[in-house]
Amino acid sequence: MLRYILYFGAVFLIADHVFTHWGPEIINWLASKFMGREVTVVEGAPYRESLIDKVIHSVRDKLEGDRR
């Protein structure tokens, strides 16, 4: 049971990371393919952070704070 919870967590983190960084591009690409012309359905924010990015930044900040 614990294994399935860990799998679910890993899949959730990967899906969050992929959607955060490439979600609007994927959605617009799929919509363009279905419409047969270039369309923009979703406009992405200039900078977005996924959960993985936030954890990496917080660990990096904590490590830099410990070095000082």
N, C-alpha and C. Protein backbone atom coordinates (compact mmCIF):
# COMPACT_ATOMS: atom_id res chain seq x y z
N MET A 1 0.82 -1.19 0.00
CA MET A 1 0.00 0.00 0.00
C MET A 1 0.87 1.26 0.00
N LEU A 2 1.92 1.26 0.80
CA LEU A 2 2.83 2.41 0.84
C LEU A 2 3.48 2.65 -0.52
N ARG A 3 3.76 1.55 -1.22
CA ARG A 3 4.37 1.65 -2.54
C ARG A 3 3.45 2.42 -3.49
N TYR A 4 2.13 2.15 -3.45
CA TYR A 4 1.19 2.83 -4.33
C TYR A 4 1.05 4.30 -3.96
N ILE A 5 1.14 4.61 -2.69
CA ILE A 5 1.09 6.01 -2.27
C ILE A 5 2.32 6.75 -2.78
N LEU A 6 3.49 6.12 -2.70
CA LEU A 6 4.71 6.73 -3.23
C LEU A 6 4.64 6.89 -4.74
N TYR A 7 4.10 5.89 -5.44
CA TYR A 7 3.92 6.00 -6.90
C TYR A 7 3.00 7.16 -7.24
N PHE A 8 1.90 7.27 -6.51
CA PHE A 8 0.95 8.35 -6.76
C PHE A 8 1.60 9.71 -6.53
N GLY A 9 2.38 9.83 -5.47
CA GLY A 9 3.08 11.07 -5.20
C GLY A 9 4.07 11.42 -6.29
N ALA A 10 4.83 10.41 -6.76
CA ALA A 10 5.80 10.66 -7.83
C ALA A 10 5.10 11.07 -9.12
N VAL A 11 4.01 10.41 -9.47
CA VAL A 11 3.26 10.77 -10.68
C VAL A 11 2.68 12.18 -10.55
N PHE A 12 2.19 12.52 -9.37
CA PHE A 12 1.64 13.85 -9.15
C PHE A 12 2.73 14.92 -9.32
N LEU A 13 3.90 14.69 -8.75
CA LEU A 13 4.99 15.66 -8.86
C LEU A 13 5.46 15.82 -10.31
N ILE A 14 5.56 14.72 -11.03
CA ILE A 14 5.98 14.78 -12.43
C ILE A 14 4.93 15.49 -13.27
N ALA A 15 3.65 15.16 -13.05
CA ALA A 15 2.58 15.81 -13.81
C ALA A 15 2.53 17.31 -13.51
N ASP A 16 2.71 17.68 -12.25
CA ASP A 16 2.73 19.10 -11.88
C ASP A 16 3.89 19.82 -12.57
N HIS A 17 5.05 19.20 -12.59
CA HIS A 17 6.23 19.82 -13.21
C HIS A 17 6.02 19.99 -14.72
N VAL A 18 5.54 18.94 -15.38
CA VAL A 18 5.32 19.00 -16.83
C VAL A 18 4.25 20.03 -17.16
N PHE A 19 3.13 20.02 -16.43
CA PHE A 19 2.06 20.96 -16.73
C PHE A 19 2.48 22.40 -16.44
N THR A 20 3.24 22.61 -15.39
CA THR A 20 3.66 23.97 -15.05
C THR A 20 4.57 24.55 -16.12
N HIS A 21 5.50 23.76 -16.62
CA HIS A 21 6.47 24.29 -17.58
C HIS A 21 6.02 24.20 -19.03
N TRP A 22 5.29 23.16 -19.39
CA TRP A 22 4.93 22.97 -20.79
C TRP A 22 3.44 22.83 -21.03
N GLY A 23 2.61 23.04 -20.02
CA GLY A 23 1.16 22.87 -20.14
C GLY A 23 0.52 23.75 -21.21
N PRO A 24 0.72 25.08 -21.15
CA PRO A 24 0.09 25.92 -22.17
C PRO A 24 0.55 25.60 -23.59
N GLU A 25 1.83 25.26 -23.76
CA GLU A 25 2.31 24.91 -25.09
C GLU A 25 1.65 23.64 -25.60
N ILE A 26 1.50 22.65 -24.73
CA ILE A 26 0.87 21.38 -25.11
C ILE A 26 -0.61 21.61 -25.44
N ILE A 27 -1.30 22.38 -24.61
CA ILE A 27 -2.72 22.64 -24.84
C ILE A 27 -2.92 23.40 -26.15
N ASN A 28 -2.11 24.43 -26.40
CA ASN A 28 -2.23 25.20 -27.64
C ASN A 28 -1.88 24.35 -28.85
N TRP A 29 -0.89 23.46 -28.72
CA TRP A 29 -0.52 22.59 -29.83
C TRP A 29 -1.66 21.64 -30.16
N LEU A 30 -2.26 21.02 -29.12
CA LEU A 30 -3.38 20.11 -29.37
C LEU A 30 -4.57 20.84 -29.98
N ALA A 31 -4.88 22.03 -29.48
CA ALA A 31 -5.99 22.80 -30.03
C ALA A 31 -5.72 23.19 -31.48
N SER A 32 -4.49 23.53 -31.79
CA SER A 32 -4.14 23.89 -33.17
C SER A 32 -4.28 22.69 -34.09
N LYS A 33 -3.91 21.52 -33.62
CA LYS A 33 -4.04 20.31 -34.45
C LYS A 33 -5.51 19.99 -34.71
N PHE A 34 -6.37 20.15 -33.70
CA PHE A 34 -7.79 19.86 -33.88
C PHE A 34 -8.48 20.90 -34.76
N MET A 35 -8.07 22.16 -34.65
CA MET A 35 -8.71 23.22 -35.43
C MET A 35 -8.15 23.30 -36.85
N GLY A 36 -6.94 22.79 -37.05
CA GLY A 36 -6.34 22.84 -38.37
C GLY A 36 -5.66 24.17 -38.67
N ARG A 37 -5.57 25.03 -37.69
CA ARG A 37 -4.89 26.31 -37.85
C ARG A 37 -4.27 26.69 -36.50
N GLU A 38 -3.42 27.68 -36.51
CA GLU A 38 -2.75 28.10 -35.27
C GLU A 38 -3.72 28.87 -34.38
N VAL A 39 -3.96 28.36 -33.19
CA VAL A 39 -4.83 29.03 -32.23
C VAL A 39 -4.11 29.12 -30.88
N THR A 40 -4.52 30.12 -30.09
CA THR A 40 -3.99 30.26 -28.74
C THR A 40 -5.16 30.17 -27.78
N VAL A 41 -5.20 29.09 -27.03
CA VAL A 41 -6.27 28.86 -26.07
C VAL A 41 -5.85 29.35 -24.69
N VAL A 42 -4.61 29.04 -24.33
CA VAL A 42 -4.09 29.38 -23.01
C VAL A 42 -2.80 30.16 -23.19
N GLU A 43 -2.69 31.27 -22.47
CA GLU A 43 -1.44 32.01 -22.46
C GLU A 43 -0.75 31.76 -21.14
N GLY A 44 0.50 31.33 -21.21
CA GLY A 44 1.24 31.01 -20.00
C GLY A 44 1.85 32.23 -19.36
N ALA A 45 2.02 32.15 -18.06
CA ALA A 45 2.69 33.21 -17.33
C ALA A 45 4.18 33.18 -17.70
N PRO A 46 4.87 34.32 -17.62
CA PRO A 46 6.28 34.34 -18.02
C PRO A 46 7.17 33.44 -17.16
N TYR A 47 6.89 33.34 -15.86
CA TYR A 47 7.70 32.48 -15.02
C TYR A 47 6.79 31.78 -14.02
N ARG A 48 6.86 30.46 -14.04
CA ARG A 48 6.05 29.66 -13.13
C ARG A 48 6.96 28.67 -12.44
N GLU A 49 6.60 28.30 -11.21
CA GLU A 49 7.38 27.31 -10.46
C GLU A 49 6.50 26.13 -10.11
N SER A 50 7.01 24.94 -10.35
CA SER A 50 6.31 23.73 -9.92
C SER A 50 6.71 23.42 -8.49
N LEU A 51 6.10 22.41 -7.93
CA LEU A 51 6.45 22.02 -6.56
C LEU A 51 7.90 21.58 -6.46
N ILE A 52 8.37 20.89 -7.48
CA ILE A 52 9.77 20.44 -7.49
C ILE A 52 10.71 21.65 -7.48
N ASP A 53 10.39 22.65 -8.29
CA ASP A 53 11.22 23.87 -8.33
C ASP A 53 11.23 24.58 -6.98
N LYS A 54 10.07 24.66 -6.33
CA LYS A 54 9.98 25.33 -5.04
C LYS A 54 10.81 24.60 -3.98
N VAL A 55 10.76 23.27 -4.00
CA VAL A 55 11.54 22.49 -3.03
C VAL A 55 13.03 22.68 -3.29
N ILE A 56 13.44 22.65 -4.54
CA ILE A 56 14.85 22.82 -4.88
C ILE A 56 15.34 24.20 -4.44
N HIS A 57 14.54 25.24 -4.68
CA HIS A 57 14.94 26.59 -4.28
C HIS A 57 15.01 26.73 -2.76
N SER A 58 14.07 26.11 -2.05
CA SER A 58 14.10 26.23 -0.59
C SER A 58 15.29 25.48 0.00
N VAL A 59 15.62 24.31 -0.55
CA VAL A 59 16.79 23.56 -0.08
C VAL A 59 18.06 24.33 -0.40
N ARG A 60 18.14 24.89 -1.58
CA ARG A 60 19.32 25.68 -1.97
C ARG A 60 19.49 26.89 -1.05
N ASP A 61 18.38 27.59 -0.75
CA ASP A 61 18.46 28.74 0.15
C ASP A 61 18.88 28.32 1.56
N LYS A 62 18.35 27.21 2.02
CA LYS A 62 18.71 26.73 3.36
C LYS A 62 20.17 26.34 3.42
N LEU A 63 20.69 25.68 2.37
CA LEU A 63 22.09 25.30 2.35
C LEU A 63 23.00 26.53 2.28
N GLU A 64 22.61 27.53 1.51
CA GLU A 64 23.40 28.75 1.43
C GLU A 64 23.38 29.48 2.76
N GLY A 65 22.26 29.43 3.48
CA GLY A 65 22.17 30.07 4.79
C GLY A 65 23.03 29.37 5.81
N ASP A 66 23.16 28.04 5.71
CA ASP A 66 24.00 27.28 6.65
C ASP A 66 25.49 27.51 6.38
N ARG A 67 25.86 27.78 5.15
CA ARG A 67 27.27 28.02 4.81
C ARG A 67 27.77 29.35 5.37
N ARG A 68 26.87 30.30 5.51
CA ARG A 68 27.26 31.65 5.95
C ARG A 68 27.50 31.69 7.39
